[in-house]
Amino acid sequence: MTTQPHVLEIYEPYEYAGQNPLNVEGIAVLAGPSRENYYLLKVVTPFSVDQELVEHVLILPRYNGDKIDRAVTSSCTVNIARIPAGIDMTGKASISFDDFLRWGVGKISPCPGH
């Protein structure tokens, strides 16, 4: 999969005061620990949470019935997880709960004009 540009709006955590929305690039759809598929995104302009740089996030459609394809190709409300420092996602086809930290809720949309 080639990278695909998206905009990720952050709704929660409520105390998040950083850049919003985030420009992100879709990297890959990965099999998750509970038979769900997650979408790995690279953050174009990384930000800090709890003194830790966030360069990648994973998203998962928030509502039952929404499939990962909706998050990849159109707009979708999503759960957002951040990848902790030291976790290398390069070449992974699947992930475990040890690979990410639940972080928030938001909405992903394709970049305008793409």
PDB file of N, CA and C in Angstrom:
ATOM      1  N   MET A   1       0.848  -1.176   0.000  1.00  0.00           N
ATOM      2  CA  MET A   1       0.000   0.000   0.000  1.00  0.00           C
ATOM      3  C   MET A   1       0.896   1.242   0.000  1.00  0.00           C
ATOM      4  N   THR A   2       0.644   2.154  -0.893  1.00  0.00           N
ATOM      5  CA  THR A   2       1.364   3.423  -0.865  1.00  0.00           C
ATOM      6  C   THR A   2       0.703   4.316   0.168  1.00  0.00           C
ATOM      7  N   THR A   3       1.447   5.279   0.671  1.00  0.00           N
ATOM      8  CA  THR A   3       0.857   6.149   1.688  1.00  0.00           C
ATOM      9  C   THR A   3      -0.284   6.958   1.096  1.00  0.00           C
ATOM     10  N   GLN A   4      -1.289   7.155   1.915  1.00  0.00           N
ATOM     11  CA  GLN A   4      -2.496   7.859   1.498  1.00  0.00           C
ATOM     12  C   GLN A   4      -2.738   8.996   2.488  1.00  0.00           C
ATOM     13  N   PRO A   5      -2.873  10.243   2.016  1.00  0.00           N
ATOM     14  CA  PRO A   5      -3.047  11.370   2.946  1.00  0.00           C
ATOM     15  C   PRO A   5      -4.463  11.442   3.530  1.00  0.00           C
ATOM     16  N   HIS A   6      -4.516  11.754   4.819  1.00  0.00           N
ATOM     17  CA  HIS A   6      -5.776  11.902   5.541  1.00  0.00           C
ATOM     18  C   HIS A   6      -5.673  13.084   6.497  1.00  0.00           C
ATOM     19  N   VAL A   7      -6.811  13.488   7.003  1.00  0.00           N
ATOM     20  CA  VAL A   7      -6.906  14.456   8.087  1.00  0.00           C
ATOM     21  C   VAL A   7      -7.549  13.716   9.258  1.00  0.00           C
ATOM     22  N   LEU A   8      -6.943  13.824  10.445  1.00  0.00           N
ATOM     23  CA  LEU A   8      -7.459  13.169  11.642  1.00  0.00           C
ATOM     24  C   LEU A   8      -7.817  14.240  12.666  1.00  0.00           C
ATOM     25  N   GLU A   9      -9.126  14.416  12.900  1.00  0.00           N
ATOM     26  CA  GLU A   9      -9.597  15.367  13.908  1.00  0.00           C
ATOM     27  C   GLU A   9      -9.590  14.665  15.258  1.00  0.00           C
ATOM     28  N   ILE A  10      -9.132  15.361  16.289  1.00  0.00           N
ATOM     29  CA  ILE A  10      -9.085  14.805  17.639  1.00  0.00           C
ATOM     30  C   ILE A  10     -10.259  15.363  18.436  1.00  0.00           C
ATOM     31  N   TYR A  11     -11.161  14.486  18.895  1.00  0.00           N
ATOM     32  CA  TYR A  11     -12.285  14.880  19.745  1.00  0.00           C
ATOM     33  C   TYR A  11     -11.959  14.642  21.215  1.00  0.00           C
ATOM     34  N   GLU A  12     -11.300  13.555  21.507  1.00  0.00           N
ATOM     35  CA  GLU A  12     -10.849  13.201  22.861  1.00  0.00           C
ATOM     36  C   GLU A  12      -9.408  12.734  22.730  1.00  0.00           C
ATOM     37  N   PRO A  13      -8.575  12.911  23.715  1.00  0.00           N
ATOM     38  CA  PRO A  13      -8.877  13.408  25.049  1.00  0.00           C
ATOM     39  C   PRO A  13      -9.221  14.894  25.035  1.00  0.00           C
ATOM     40  N   TYR A  14     -10.136  15.254  25.910  1.00  0.00           N
ATOM     41  CA  TYR A  14     -10.620  16.629  25.946  1.00  0.00           C
ATOM     42  C   TYR A  14      -9.516  17.615  26.266  1.00  0.00           C
ATOM     43  N   GLU A  15      -8.532  17.190  27.057  1.00  0.00           N
ATOM     44  CA  GLU A  15      -7.454  18.097  27.463  1.00  0.00           C
ATOM     45  C   GLU A  15      -6.363  18.250  26.396  1.00  0.00           C
ATOM     46  N   TYR A  16      -6.468  17.511  25.294  1.00  0.00           N
ATOM     47  CA  TYR A  16      -5.474  17.637  24.224  1.00  0.00           C
ATOM     48  C   TYR A  16      -5.533  19.043  23.636  1.00  0.00           C
ATOM     49  N   ALA A  17      -4.383  19.738  23.654  1.00  0.00           N
ATOM     50  CA  ALA A  17      -4.341  21.130  23.190  1.00  0.00           C
ATOM     51  C   ALA A  17      -3.360  21.301  22.038  1.00  0.00           C
ATOM     52  N   GLY A  18      -2.937  20.209  21.441  1.00  0.00           N
ATOM     53  CA  GLY A  18      -1.967  20.282  20.357  1.00  0.00           C
ATOM     54  C   GLY A  18      -2.620  20.546  19.015  1.00  0.00           C
ATOM     55  N   GLN A  19      -1.839  20.335  17.980  1.00  0.00           N
ATOM     56  CA  GLN A  19      -2.313  20.526  16.612  1.00  0.00           C
ATOM     57  C   GLN A  19      -3.591  19.716  16.385  1.00  0.00           C
ATOM     58  N   ASN A  20      -4.583  20.363  15.781  1.00  0.00           N
ATOM     59  CA  ASN A  20      -5.846  19.684  15.529  1.00  0.00           C
ATOM     60  C   ASN A  20      -6.555  20.398  14.382  1.00  0.00           C
ATOM     61  N   PRO A  21      -6.820  19.746  13.299  1.00  0.00           N
ATOM     62  CA  PRO A  21      -6.624  18.324  13.023  1.00  0.00           C
ATOM     63  C   PRO A  21      -5.158  18.008  12.696  1.00  0.00           C
ATOM     64  N   LEU A  22      -4.865  16.714  12.703  1.00  0.00           N
ATOM     65  CA  LEU A  22      -3.541  16.222  12.351  1.00  0.00           C
ATOM     66  C   LEU A  22      -3.530  15.806  10.891  1.00  0.00           C
ATOM     67  N   ASN A  23      -2.453  16.116  10.206  1.00  0.00           N
ATOM     68  CA  ASN A  23      -2.238  15.554   8.878  1.00  0.00           C
ATOM     69  C   ASN A  23      -1.521  14.233   9.079  1.00  0.00           C
ATOM     70  N   VAL A  24      -2.084  13.172   8.512  1.00  0.00           N
ATOM     71  CA  VAL A  24      -1.517  11.832   8.676  1.00  0.00           C
ATOM     72  C   VAL A  24      -1.454  11.145   7.317  1.00  0.00           C
ATOM     73  N   GLU A  25      -0.607  10.128   7.251  1.00  0.00           N
ATOM     74  CA  GLU A  25      -0.488   9.325   6.031  1.00  0.00           C
ATOM     75  C   GLU A  25      -0.750   7.866   6.379  1.00  0.00           C
ATOM     76  N   GLY A  26      -1.701   7.270   5.678  1.00  0.00           N
ATOM     77  CA  GLY A  26      -2.003   5.868   5.885  1.00  0.00           C
ATOM     78  C   GLY A  26      -0.869   5.004   5.366  1.00  0.00           C
ATOM     79  N   ILE A  27      -0.452   4.044   6.175  1.00  0.00           N
ATOM     80  CA  ILE A  27       0.661   3.169   5.807  1.00  0.00           C
ATOM     81  C   ILE A  27       0.181   1.761   5.478  1.00  0.00           C
ATOM     82  N   ALA A  28      -0.602   1.159   6.387  1.00  0.00           N
ATOM     83  CA  ALA A  28      -1.018  -0.231   6.187  1.00  0.00           C
ATOM     84  C   ALA A  28      -2.200  -0.568   7.085  1.00  0.00           C
ATOM     85  N   VAL A  29      -2.966  -1.559   6.676  1.00  0.00           N
ATOM     86  CA  VAL A  29      -4.007  -2.143   7.514  1.00  0.00           C
ATOM     87  C   VAL A  29      -3.387  -3.380   8.152  1.00  0.00           C
ATOM     88  N   LEU A  30      -3.475  -3.452   9.490  1.00  0.00           N
ATOM     89  CA  LEU A  30      -2.855  -4.538  10.245  1.00  0.00           C
ATOM     90  C   LEU A  30      -3.908  -5.337  11.001  1.00  0.00           C
ATOM     91  N   ALA A  31      -3.706  -6.634  11.067  1.00  0.00           N
ATOM     92  CA  ALA A  31      -4.588  -7.492  11.856  1.00  0.00           C
ATOM     93  C   ALA A  31      -4.351  -7.201  13.331  1.00  0.00           C
ATOM     94  N   GLY A  32      -5.456  -7.045  14.074  1.00  0.00           N
ATOM     95  CA  GLY A  32      -5.355  -6.722  15.494  1.00  0.00           C
ATOM     96  C   GLY A  32      -5.541  -7.918  16.389  1.00  0.00           C
ATOM     97  N   PRO A  33      -5.420  -7.699  17.691  1.00  0.00           N
ATOM     98  CA  PRO A  33      -5.464  -8.791  18.655  1.00  0.00           C
ATOM     99  C   PRO A  33      -6.843  -9.405  18.884  1.00  0.00           C
ATOM    100  N   SER A  34      -7.899  -8.731  18.487  1.00  0.00           N
ATOM    101  CA  SER A  34      -9.250  -9.244  18.729  1.00  0.00           C
ATOM    102  C   SER A  34     -10.035  -9.395  17.436  1.00  0.00           C
ATOM    103  N   ARG A  35      -9.376  -9.889  16.411  1.00  0.00           N
ATOM    104  CA  ARG A  35      -9.984 -10.090  15.092  1.00  0.00           C
ATOM    105  C   ARG A  35     -10.412  -8.794  14.415  1.00  0.00           C
ATOM    106  N   GLU A  36      -9.922  -7.671  14.900  1.00  0.00           N
ATOM    107  CA  GLU A  36     -10.221  -6.389  14.273  1.00  0.00           C
ATOM    108  C   GLU A  36      -9.031  -5.969  13.442  1.00  0.00           C
ATOM    109  N   ASN A  37      -9.277  -5.155  12.440  1.00  0.00           N
ATOM    110  CA  ASN A  37      -8.199  -4.595  11.643  1.00  0.00           C
ATOM    111  C   ASN A  37      -7.990  -3.149  12.044  1.00  0.00           C
ATOM    112  N   TYR A  38      -6.738  -2.765  12.171  1.00  0.00           N
ATOM    113  CA  TYR A  38      -6.335  -1.416  12.541  1.00  0.00           C
ATOM    114  C   TYR A  38      -5.634  -0.768  11.355  1.00  0.00           C
ATOM    115  N   TYR A  39      -5.737   0.542  11.255  1.00  0.00           N
ATOM    116  CA  TYR A  39      -5.094   1.306  10.192  1.00  0.00           C
ATOM    117  C   TYR A  39      -3.925   2.064  10.807  1.00  0.00           C
ATOM    118  N   LEU A  40      -2.721   1.751  10.363  1.00  0.00           N
ATOM    119  CA  LEU A  40      -1.510   2.405  10.849  1.00  0.00           C
ATOM    120  C   LEU A  40      -1.302   3.709  10.093  1.00  0.00           C
ATOM    121  N   LEU A  41      -1.131   4.796  10.834  1.00  0.00           N
ATOM    122  CA  LEU A  41      -0.960   6.120  10.260  1.00  0.00           C
ATOM    123  C   LEU A  41       0.340   6.749  10.750  1.00  0.00           C
ATOM    124  N   LYS A  42       1.038   7.398   9.845  1.00  0.00           N
ATOM    125  CA  LYS A  42       2.212   8.187  10.211  1.00  0.00           C
ATOM    126  C   LYS A  42       1.751   9.625  10.417  1.00  0.00           C
ATOM    127  N   VAL A  43       2.144  10.234  11.529  1.00  0.00           N
ATOM    128  CA  VAL A  43       1.801  11.623  11.822  1.00  0.00           C
ATOM    129  C   VAL A  43       2.817  12.506  11.096  1.00  0.00           C
ATOM    130  N   VAL A  44       2.335  13.364  10.201  1.00  0.00           N
ATOM    131  CA  VAL A  44       3.230  14.197   9.391  1.00  0.00           C
ATOM    132  C   VAL A  44       4.055  15.129  10.275  1.00  0.00           C
ATOM    133  N   THR A  45       3.414  15.764  11.256  1.00  0.00           N
ATOM    134  CA  THR A  45       4.115  16.611  12.223  1.00  0.00           C
ATOM    135  C   THR A  45       3.937  15.975  13.600  1.00  0.00           C
ATOM    136  N   PRO A  46       4.914  15.159  14.045  1.00  0.00           N
ATOM    137  CA  PRO A  46       4.779  14.471  15.332  1.00  0.00           C
ATOM    138  C   PRO A  46       4.517  15.448  16.481  1.00  0.00           C
ATOM    139  N   PHE A  47       3.859  14.944  17.535  1.00  0.00           N
ATOM    140  CA  PHE A  47       3.518  15.743  18.710  1.00  0.00           C
ATOM    141  C   PHE A  47       3.855  14.942  19.954  1.00  0.00           C
ATOM    142  N   SER A  48       3.818  15.580  21.119  1.00  0.00           N
ATOM    143  CA  SER A  48       4.165  14.908  22.370  1.00  0.00           C
ATOM    144  C   SER A  48       2.947  14.672  23.241  1.00  0.00           C
ATOM    145  N   VAL A  49       2.931  13.510  23.885  1.00  0.00           N
ATOM    146  CA  VAL A  49       1.942  13.157  24.893  1.00  0.00           C
ATOM    147  C   VAL A  49       2.723  12.561  26.052  1.00  0.00           C
ATOM    148  N   ASP A  50       2.541  13.105  27.244  1.00  0.00           N
ATOM    149  CA  ASP A  50       3.261  12.628  28.430  1.00  0.00           C
ATOM    150  C   ASP A  50       4.771  12.567  28.183  1.00  0.00           C
ATOM    151  N   GLN A  51       5.328  13.621  27.627  1.00  0.00           N
ATOM    152  CA  GLN A  51       6.751  13.750  27.321  1.00  0.00           C
ATOM    153  C   GLN A  51       7.260  12.669  26.359  1.00  0.00           C
ATOM    154  N   GLU A  52       6.364  12.102  25.560  1.00  0.00           N
ATOM    155  CA  GLU A  52       6.758  11.082  24.588  1.00  0.00           C
ATOM    156  C   GLU A  52       6.310  11.518  23.195  1.00  0.00           C
ATOM    157  N   LEU A  53       7.229  11.449  22.242  1.00  0.00           N
ATOM    158  CA  LEU A  53       6.936  11.856  20.875  1.00  0.00           C
ATOM    159  C   LEU A  53       6.023  10.823  20.208  1.00  0.00           C
ATOM    160  N   VAL A  54       4.955  11.295  19.593  1.00  0.00           N
ATOM    161  CA  VAL A  54       4.018  10.428  18.880  1.00  0.00           C
ATOM    162  C   VAL A  54       4.256  10.619  17.386  1.00  0.00           C
ATOM    163  N   GLU A  55       4.787   9.579  16.747  1.00  0.00           N
ATOM    164  CA  GLU A  55       5.066   9.624  15.321  1.00  0.00           C
ATOM    165  C   GLU A  55       4.094   8.773  14.513  1.00  0.00           C
ATOM    166  N   HIS A  56       3.470   7.783  15.177  1.00  0.00           N
ATOM    167  CA  HIS A  56       2.517   6.883  14.525  1.00  0.00           C
ATOM    168  C   HIS A  56       1.324   6.667  15.445  1.00  0.00           C
ATOM    169  N   VAL A  57       0.156   6.517  14.838  1.00  0.00           N
ATOM    170  CA  VAL A  57      -1.048   6.149  15.573  1.00  0.00           C
ATOM    171  C   VAL A  57      -1.737   5.008  14.826  1.00  0.00           C
ATOM    172  N   LEU A  58      -2.563   4.301  15.554  1.00  0.00           N
ATOM    173  CA  LEU A  58      -3.429   3.278  14.978  1.00  0.00           C
ATOM    174  C   LEU A  58      -4.862   3.737  15.175  1.00  0.00           C
ATOM    175  N   ILE A  59      -5.687   3.510  14.182  1.00  0.00           N
ATOM    176  CA  ILE A  59      -7.102   3.817  14.351  1.00  0.00           C
ATOM    177  C   ILE A  59      -7.940   2.575  14.082  1.00  0.00           C
ATOM    178  N   LEU A  60      -9.101   2.577  14.679  1.00  0.00           N
ATOM    179  CA  LEU A  60     -10.064   1.486  14.568  1.00  0.00           C
ATOM    180  C   LEU A  60     -11.446   2.119  14.521  1.00  0.00           C
ATOM    181  N   PRO A  61     -12.309   1.744  13.557  1.00  0.00           N
ATOM    182  CA  PRO A  61     -13.659   2.321  13.543  1.00  0.00           C
ATOM    183  C   PRO A  61     -14.326   2.168  14.914  1.00  0.00           C
ATOM    184  N   ARG A  62     -14.962   3.221  15.362  1.00  0.00           N
ATOM    185  CA  ARG A  62     -15.542   3.258  16.708  1.00  0.00           C
ATOM    186  C   ARG A  62     -16.871   2.516  16.811  1.00  0.00           C
ATOM    187  N   TYR A  63     -17.656   2.538  15.755  1.00  0.00           N
ATOM    188  CA  TYR A  63     -19.006   1.997  15.842  1.00  0.00           C
ATOM    189  C   TYR A  63     -19.119   0.628  15.198  1.00  0.00           C
ATOM    190  N   ASN A  64     -19.879  -0.246  15.857  1.00  0.00           N
ATOM    191  CA  ASN A  64     -20.133  -1.582  15.309  1.00  0.00           C
ATOM    192  C   ASN A  64     -20.711  -1.448  13.912  1.00  0.00           C
ATOM    193  N   GLY A  65     -20.268  -2.294  13.029  1.00  0.00           N
ATOM    194  CA  GLY A  65     -20.759  -2.267  11.659  1.00  0.00           C
ATOM    195  C   GLY A  65     -19.857  -1.496  10.718  1.00  0.00           C
ATOM    196  N   ASP A  66     -19.071  -0.545  11.249  1.00  0.00           N
ATOM    197  CA  ASP A  66     -18.119   0.167  10.395  1.00  0.00           C
ATOM    198  C   ASP A  66     -16.891  -0.718  10.198  1.00  0.00           C
ATOM    199  N   LYS A  67     -16.516  -0.899   8.978  1.00  0.00           N
ATOM    200  CA  LYS A  67     -15.335  -1.708   8.644  1.00  0.00           C
ATOM    201  C   LYS A  67     -14.138  -0.801   8.434  1.00  0.00           C
ATOM    202  N   ILE A  68     -12.941  -1.379   8.517  1.00  0.00           N
ATOM    203  CA  ILE A  68     -11.712  -0.602   8.361  1.00  0.00           C
ATOM    204  C   ILE A  68     -11.653   0.062   6.990  1.00  0.00           C
ATOM    205  N   ASP A  69     -12.251  -0.540   5.977  1.00  0.00           N
ATOM    206  CA  ASP A  69     -12.245   0.059   4.634  1.00  0.00           C
ATOM    207  C   ASP A  69     -12.882   1.446   4.633  1.00  0.00           C
ATOM    208  N   ARG A  70     -13.867   1.643   5.481  1.00  0.00           N
ATOM    209  CA  ARG A  70     -14.506   2.970   5.551  1.00  0.00           C
ATOM    210  C   ARG A  70     -13.510   4.006   6.056  1.00  0.00           C
ATOM    211  N   ALA A  71     -12.710   3.648   7.061  1.00  0.00           N
ATOM    212  CA  ALA A  71     -11.706   4.566   7.590  1.00  0.00           C
ATOM    213  C   ALA A  71     -10.621   4.855   6.556  1.00  0.00           C
ATOM    214  N   VAL A  72     -10.307   3.874   5.724  1.00  0.00           N
ATOM    215  CA  VAL A  72      -9.256   4.027   4.723  1.00  0.00           C
ATOM    216  C   VAL A  72      -9.725   4.891   3.549  1.00  0.00           C
ATOM    217  N   THR A  73     -10.996   4.757   3.154  1.00  0.00           N
ATOM    218  CA  THR A  73     -11.448   5.395   1.913  1.00  0.00           C
ATOM    219  C   THR A  73     -12.378   6.596   2.077  1.00  0.00           C
ATOM    220  N   SER A  74     -13.002   6.769   3.251  1.00  0.00           N
ATOM    221  CA  SER A  74     -13.925   7.895   3.412  1.00  0.00           C
ATOM    222  C   SER A  74     -13.825   8.437   4.834  1.00  0.00           C
ATOM    223  N   SER A  75     -14.874   9.045   5.332  1.00  0.00           N
ATOM    224  CA  SER A  75     -14.883   9.602   6.688  1.00  0.00           C
ATOM    225  C   SER A  75     -15.467   8.593   7.665  1.00  0.00           C
ATOM    226  N   CYS A  76     -14.910   8.596   8.874  1.00  0.00           N
ATOM    227  CA  CYS A  76     -15.329   7.602   9.852  1.00  0.00           C
ATOM    228  C   CYS A  76     -14.920   8.062  11.253  1.00  0.00           C
ATOM    229  N   THR A  77     -15.796   7.884  12.229  1.00  0.00           N
ATOM    230  CA  THR A  77     -15.437   8.118  13.628  1.00  0.00           C
ATOM    231  C   THR A  77     -14.592   6.941  14.087  1.00  0.00           C
ATOM    232  N   VAL A  78     -13.486   7.248  14.784  1.00  0.00           N
ATOM    233  CA  VAL A  78     -12.514   6.209  15.112  1.00  0.00           C
ATOM    234  C   VAL A  78     -12.018   6.312  16.550  1.00  0.00           C
ATOM    235  N   ASN A  79     -11.594   5.172  17.074  1.00  0.00           N
ATOM    236  CA  ASN A  79     -10.795   5.128  18.292  1.00  0.00           C
ATOM    237  C   ASN A  79      -9.354   5.320  17.851  1.00  0.00           C
ATOM    238  N   ILE A  80      -8.588   6.053  18.648  1.00  0.00           N
ATOM    239  CA  ILE A  80      -7.200   6.343  18.317  1.00  0.00           C
ATOM    240  C   ILE A  80      -6.294   5.757  19.390  1.00  0.00           C
ATOM    241  N   ALA A  81      -5.272   5.046  18.942  1.00  0.00           N
ATOM    242  CA  ALA A  81      -4.251   4.516  19.851  1.00  0.00           C
ATOM    243  C   ALA A  81      -2.907   5.070  19.402  1.00  0.00           C
ATOM    244  N   ARG A  82      -2.037   5.340  20.349  1.00  0.00           N
ATOM    245  CA  ARG A  82      -0.706   5.816  19.984  1.00  0.00           C
ATOM    246  C   ARG A  82       0.304   4.694  20.151  1.00  0.00           C
ATOM    247  N   ILE A  83       1.345   4.783  19.348  1.00  0.00           N
ATOM    248  CA  ILE A  83       2.414   3.786  19.390  1.00  0.00           C
ATOM    249  C   ILE A  83       3.497   4.317  20.320  1.00  0.00           C
ATOM    250  N   PRO A  84       3.801   3.609  21.409  1.00  0.00           N
ATOM    251  CA  PRO A  84       4.832   4.093  22.334  1.00  0.00           C
ATOM    252  C   PRO A  84       6.222   4.090  21.686  1.00  0.00           C
ATOM    253  N   ALA A  85       7.075   4.948  22.203  1.00  0.00           N
ATOM    254  CA  ALA A  85       8.465   4.980  21.749  1.00  0.00           C
ATOM    255  C   ALA A  85       9.079   3.590  21.942  1.00  0.00           C
ATOM    256  N   GLY A  86       9.880   3.187  21.004  1.00  0.00           N
ATOM    257  CA  GLY A  86      10.547   1.897  21.111  1.00  0.00           C
ATOM    258  C   GLY A  86       9.818   0.749  20.437  1.00  0.00           C
ATOM    259  N   ILE A  87       8.591   0.961  19.997  1.00  0.00           N
ATOM    260  CA  ILE A  87       7.847  -0.073  19.283  1.00  0.00           C
ATOM    261  C   ILE A  87       8.058   0.160  17.792  1.00  0.00           C
ATOM    262  N   ASP A  88       8.647  -0.816  17.132  1.00  0.00           N
ATOM    263  CA  ASP A  88       8.924  -0.706  15.698  1.00  0.00           C
ATOM    264  C   ASP A  88       7.809  -1.406  14.927  1.00  0.00           C
ATOM    265  N   MET A  89       7.089  -0.641  14.134  1.00  0.00           N
ATOM    266  CA  MET A  89       5.977  -1.191  13.369  1.00  0.00           C
ATOM    267  C   MET A  89       6.388  -1.612  11.957  1.00  0.00           C
ATOM    268  N   THR A  90       7.651  -1.411  11.608  1.00  0.00           N
ATOM    269  CA  THR A  90       8.142  -1.725  10.265  1.00  0.00           C
ATOM    270  C   THR A  90       7.924  -3.194   9.932  1.00  0.00           C
ATOM    271  N   GLY A  91       7.244  -3.433   8.835  1.00  0.00           N
ATOM    272  CA  GLY A  91       7.071  -4.789   8.340  1.00  0.00           C
ATOM    273  C   GLY A  91       6.077  -5.652   9.096  1.00  0.00           C
ATOM    274  N   LYS A  92       5.385  -5.096  10.076  1.00  0.00           N
ATOM    275  CA  LYS A  92       4.415  -5.899  10.831  1.00  0.00           C
ATOM    276  C   LYS A  92       3.152  -6.125  10.016  1.00  0.00           C
ATOM    277  N   ALA A  93       2.612  -7.330  10.087  1.00  0.00           N
ATOM    278  CA  ALA A  93       1.338  -7.638   9.437  1.00  0.00           C
ATOM    279  C   ALA A  93       0.221  -7.724  10.470  1.00  0.00           C
ATOM    280  N   SER A  94       0.626  -7.884  11.745  1.00  0.00           N
ATOM    281  CA  SER A  94      -0.357  -7.953  12.826  1.00  0.00           C
ATOM    282  C   SER A  94       0.231  -7.275  14.060  1.00  0.00           C
ATOM    283  N   ILE A  95      -0.655  -6.937  14.989  1.00  0.00           N
ATOM    284  CA  ILE A  95      -0.241  -6.255  16.210  1.00  0.00           C
ATOM    285  C   ILE A  95      -0.857  -6.925  17.421  1.00  0.00           C
ATOM    286  N   SER A  96      -0.268  -6.659  18.585  1.00  0.00           N
ATOM    287  CA  SER A  96      -0.807  -7.167  19.845  1.00  0.00           C
ATOM    288  C   SER A  96      -1.129  -5.981  20.748  1.00  0.00           C
ATOM    289  N   PHE A  97      -1.796  -6.236  21.853  1.00  0.00           N
ATOM    290  CA  PHE A  97      -2.131  -5.158  22.781  1.00  0.00           C
ATOM    291  C   PHE A  97      -0.875  -4.488  23.340  1.00  0.00           C
ATOM    292  N   ASP A  98       0.261  -5.170  23.323  1.00  0.00           N
ATOM    293  CA  ASP A  98       1.515  -4.589  23.810  1.00  0.00           C
ATOM    294  C   ASP A  98       2.093  -3.541  22.866  1.00  0.00           C
ATOM    295  N   ASP A  99       1.578  -3.464  21.638  1.00  0.00           N
ATOM    296  CA  ASP A  99       2.119  -2.554  20.631  1.00  0.00           C
ATOM    297  C   ASP A  99       1.543  -1.145  20.681  1.00  0.00           C
ATOM    298  N   PHE A 100       0.472  -0.909  21.463  1.00  0.00           N
ATOM    299  CA  PHE A 100      -0.168   0.404  21.434  1.00  0.00           C
ATOM    300  C   PHE A 100      -0.825   0.744  22.759  1.00  0.00           C
ATOM    301  N   LEU A 101      -1.116   2.051  22.921  1.00  0.00           N
ATOM    302  CA  LEU A 101      -1.808   2.568  24.100  1.00  0.00           C
ATOM    303  C   LEU A 101      -3.058   3.306  23.646  1.00  0.00           C
ATOM    304  N   ARG A 102      -4.211   2.965  24.201  1.00  0.00           N
ATOM    305  CA  ARG A 102      -5.433   3.676  23.846  1.00  0.00           C
ATOM    306  C   ARG A 102      -5.244   5.137  24.199  1.00  0.00           C
ATOM    307  N   TRP A 103      -5.681   6.020  23.304  1.00  0.00           N
ATOM    308  CA  TRP A 103      -5.428   7.434  23.539  1.00  0.00           C
ATOM    309  C   TRP A 103      -6.669   8.312  23.399  1.00  0.00           C
ATOM    310  N   GLY A 104      -7.494   8.110  22.391  1.00  0.00           N
ATOM    311  CA  GLY A 104      -8.602   9.033  22.210  1.00  0.00           C
ATOM    312  C   GLY A 104      -9.617   8.606  21.184  1.00  0.00           C
ATOM    313  N   VAL A 105     -10.404   9.587  20.766  1.00  0.00           N
ATOM    314  CA  VAL A 105     -11.465   9.391  19.785  1.00  0.00           C
ATOM    315  C   VAL A 105     -11.380  10.549  18.795  1.00  0.00           C
ATOM    316  N   GLY A 106     -11.697  10.270  17.553  1.00  0.00           N
ATOM    317  CA  GLY A 106     -11.659  11.330  16.551  1.00  0.00           C
ATOM    318  C   GLY A 106     -12.395  10.936  15.296  1.00  0.00           C
ATOM    319  N   LYS A 107     -12.075  11.644  14.230  1.00  0.00           N
ATOM    320  CA  LYS A 107     -12.691  11.385  12.933  1.00  0.00           C
ATOM    321  C   LYS A 107     -11.612  11.471  11.865  1.00  0.00           C
ATOM    322  N   ILE A 108     -11.542  10.449  11.017  1.00  0.00           N
ATOM    323  CA  ILE A 108     -10.610  10.454   9.911  1.00  0.00           C
ATOM    324  C   ILE A 108     -11.372  10.770   8.628  1.00  0.00           C
ATOM    325  N   SER A 109     -10.727  11.547   7.775  1.00  0.00           N
ATOM    326  CA  SER A 109     -11.300  11.911   6.476  1.00  0.00           C
ATOM    327  C   SER A 109     -10.176  11.949   5.457  1.00  0.00           C
ATOM    328  N   PRO A 110     -10.496  11.700   4.177  1.00  0.00           N
ATOM    329  CA  PRO A 110      -9.478  11.872   3.148  1.00  0.00           C
ATOM    330  C   PRO A 110      -9.058  13.336   3.069  1.00  0.00           C
ATOM    331  N   CYS A 111      -7.806  13.577   2.715  1.00  0.00           N
ATOM    332  CA  CYS A 111      -7.360  14.956   2.490  1.00  0.00           C
ATOM    333  C   CYS A 111      -8.151  15.554   1.339  1.00  0.00           C
ATOM    334  N   PRO A 112      -8.568  16.788   1.466  1.00  0.00           N
ATOM    335  CA  PRO A 112      -9.275  17.422   0.352  1.00  0.00           C
ATOM    336  C   PRO A 112      -8.415  17.391  -0.910  1.00  0.00           C
ATOM    337  N   GLY A 113      -9.048  17.048  -2.023  1.00  0.00           N
ATOM    338  CA  GLY A 113      -8.343  17.007  -3.295  1.00  0.00           C
ATOM    339  C   GLY A 113      -7.664  15.695  -3.595  1.00  0.00           C
ATOM    340  N   HIS A 114      -7.817  14.692  -2.711  1.00  0.00           N
ATOM    341  CA  HIS A 114      -7.195  13.381  -2.954  1.00  0.00           C
ATOM    342  C   HIS A 114      -8.251  12.307  -3.063  1.00  0.00           C
TER     343      HIS A 114
END
